[in-house]
Amino acid sequence: MDIKVFYWERTSEAILYDNMTAIFIDSRINNLLQWQDFCHELCHPLLHTGEQFNMPPLFREYQEFKANNFMYHACMPTFMLDQLEIMDCTSQTINHMQQLFNVEYEFARVRLEKYISNKYYVPNSNI
């Protein structure tokens, strides 16, 4: 994808400069957070255009929302979760998913709750 990755001692971010795309990952945080940050920042060059500093605040907020959603799916892809046949969101399941996908506990919990909610959602149900 021709995206360069660097580590630095600042907050993670993605930058497009002179036709070069780079993702800068915060070297001060643990490996789990670095992986989560990488997936968040990867969304920006893949799906977004423009410089956030010059954007209206609501559009910047929209891009961040989309990048966060992308991050959850990139770190714990739905097609992989489908193969595991997950039925619950117990702490035991969350711990297993945390280890399997190399993410933080809270991250795994949020992703599993969203996954289960979407998987078992029945539209127009009178239950």
Protein backbone atom coordinates (compact mmCIF):
# COMPACT_ATOMS: atom_id res chain seq x y z
CA MET A 1 0.00 0.00 0.00
CA ASP A 2 3.10 2.17 0.06
CA ILE A 3 2.35 3.50 3.54
CA LYS A 4 5.39 4.05 5.73
CA VAL A 5 5.15 3.41 9.46
CA PHE A 6 7.25 5.27 12.03
CA TYR A 7 7.38 5.35 15.82
CA TRP A 8 7.65 8.61 17.70
CA GLU A 9 7.03 10.02 21.17
CA ARG A 10 3.80 11.82 20.34
CA THR A 11 0.17 10.88 19.79
CA SER A 12 -0.39 8.53 16.85
CA GLU A 13 -1.48 10.08 13.55
CA ALA A 14 -1.52 9.59 9.79
CA ILE A 15 0.03 12.15 7.45
CA LEU A 16 0.06 12.68 3.70
CA TYR A 17 3.02 14.82 2.71
CA ASP A 18 4.45 15.29 -0.80
CA ASN A 19 2.62 12.21 -2.12
CA MET A 20 4.02 10.11 0.73
CA THR A 21 1.64 8.53 3.21
CA ALA A 22 2.95 7.82 6.68
CA ILE A 23 1.49 6.52 9.90
CA PHE A 24 3.22 7.65 13.07
CA ILE A 25 2.63 5.41 16.09
CA ASP A 26 3.13 6.57 19.67
CA SER A 27 6.16 4.65 20.98
CA ARG A 28 5.24 5.43 24.60
CA ILE A 29 2.16 3.18 24.67
CA ASN A 30 2.00 -0.62 24.96
CA ASN A 31 1.92 -2.99 21.97
CA LEU A 32 -1.82 -3.60 22.26
CA LEU A 33 -2.59 0.11 22.03
CA GLN A 34 -0.08 0.53 19.21
CA TRP A 35 -1.92 -2.14 17.19
CA GLN A 36 -5.27 -0.49 17.88
CA ASP A 37 -3.86 2.95 16.99
CA PHE A 38 -2.34 1.58 13.78
CA CYS A 39 -5.71 0.22 12.64
CA HIS A 40 -7.39 3.54 13.48
CA GLU A 41 -4.78 5.58 11.64
CA LEU A 42 -4.80 3.22 8.65
CA CYS A 43 -8.38 4.21 7.95
CA HIS A 44 -7.44 7.83 7.29
CA PRO A 45 -5.23 7.32 4.21
CA LEU A 46 -7.43 4.50 2.91
CA LEU A 47 -10.82 6.17 3.21
CA HIS A 48 -10.40 9.89 3.91
CA THR A 49 -9.10 12.93 2.11
CA GLY A 50 -8.16 16.38 3.28
CA GLU A 51 -6.27 17.79 6.20
CA GLN A 52 -8.21 17.59 9.45
CA PHE A 53 -6.73 20.83 10.77
CA ASN A 54 -8.57 22.72 8.01
CA MET A 55 -11.89 20.87 8.29
CA PRO A 56 -15.07 21.94 10.02
CA PRO A 57 -15.19 20.33 13.47
CA LEU A 58 -18.23 18.15 12.68
CA PHE A 59 -16.60 16.69 9.58
CA ARG A 60 -13.42 15.96 11.54
CA GLU A 61 -15.57 14.29 14.21
CA TYR A 62 -17.28 12.22 11.50
CA GLN A 63 -13.91 11.05 10.14
CA GLU A 64 -12.76 10.07 13.63
CA PHE A 65 -15.99 8.15 14.21
CA LYS A 66 -15.46 6.26 10.93
CA ALA A 67 -11.80 5.57 11.80
CA ASN A 68 -12.82 4.18 15.20
CA ASN A 69 -15.38 1.90 13.58
CA PHE A 70 -12.78 0.78 11.03
CA MET A 71 -10.34 0.09 13.87
CA TYR A 72 -12.71 -2.34 15.59
CA HIS A 73 -13.31 -4.24 12.36
CA ALA A 74 -9.64 -4.26 11.32
CA CYS A 75 -8.43 -5.52 14.71
CA MET A 76 -11.20 -8.09 15.10
CA PRO A 77 -12.68 -8.83 11.66
CA THR A 78 -16.26 -10.02 11.46
CA PHE A 79 -15.43 -12.92 9.15
CA MET A 80 -13.02 -14.25 11.80
CA LEU A 81 -15.51 -13.77 14.63
CA ASP A 82 -18.10 -15.64 12.53
CA GLN A 83 -15.79 -18.65 12.35
CA LEU A 84 -15.52 -18.73 16.15
CA GLU A 85 -19.31 -19.01 16.65
CA ILE A 86 -19.39 -16.63 19.61
CA MET A 87 -22.62 -16.80 21.58
CA ASP A 88 -21.93 -14.63 24.63
CA CYS A 89 -19.93 -11.74 26.00
CA THR A 90 -18.76 -13.22 29.30
CA SER A 91 -15.42 -12.23 30.81
CA GLN A 92 -14.06 -15.64 29.80
CA THR A 93 -15.02 -15.03 26.16
CA ILE A 94 -13.65 -11.49 26.28
CA ASN A 95 -10.34 -12.72 27.74
CA HIS A 96 -10.08 -15.35 25.00
CA MET A 97 -10.78 -12.78 22.27
CA GLN A 98 -8.31 -10.34 23.83
CA GLN A 99 -5.56 -12.93 23.63
CA LEU A 100 -6.55 -14.22 20.19
CA PHE A 101 -6.66 -10.78 18.54
CA ASN A 102 -3.95 -9.07 20.62
CA VAL A 103 -6.15 -6.20 21.82
CA GLU A 104 -6.98 -4.70 25.19
CA TYR A 105 -9.72 -6.22 27.34
CA GLU A 106 -12.01 -3.19 27.06
CA PHE A 107 -11.49 -3.07 23.30
CA ALA A 108 -12.44 -6.76 22.98
CA ARG A 109 -15.49 -6.22 25.20
CA VAL A 110 -16.80 -3.33 23.10
CA ARG A 111 -16.17 -5.17 19.82
CA LEU A 112 -17.88 -8.34 21.04
CA GLU A 113 -20.90 -6.41 22.31
CA LYS A 114 -21.27 -4.73 18.92
CA TYR A 115 -20.72 -8.01 17.08
CA ILE A 116 -23.29 -9.92 19.13
CA SER A 117 -25.78 -7.06 18.94
CA ASN A 118 -25.49 -6.93 15.14
CA LYS A 119 -25.47 -10.70 14.67
CA TYR A 120 -28.58 -11.37 16.70
CA TYR A 121 -30.52 -8.21 15.83
CA VAL A 122 -33.95 -9.01 14.44
CA PRO A 123 -35.41 -6.03 12.54
CA ASN A 124 -39.11 -5.27 12.93
CA SER A 125 -39.42 -7.83 15.67
CA ASN A 126 -42.18 -7.55 18.27
CA ILE A 127 -40.28 -9.65 20.81
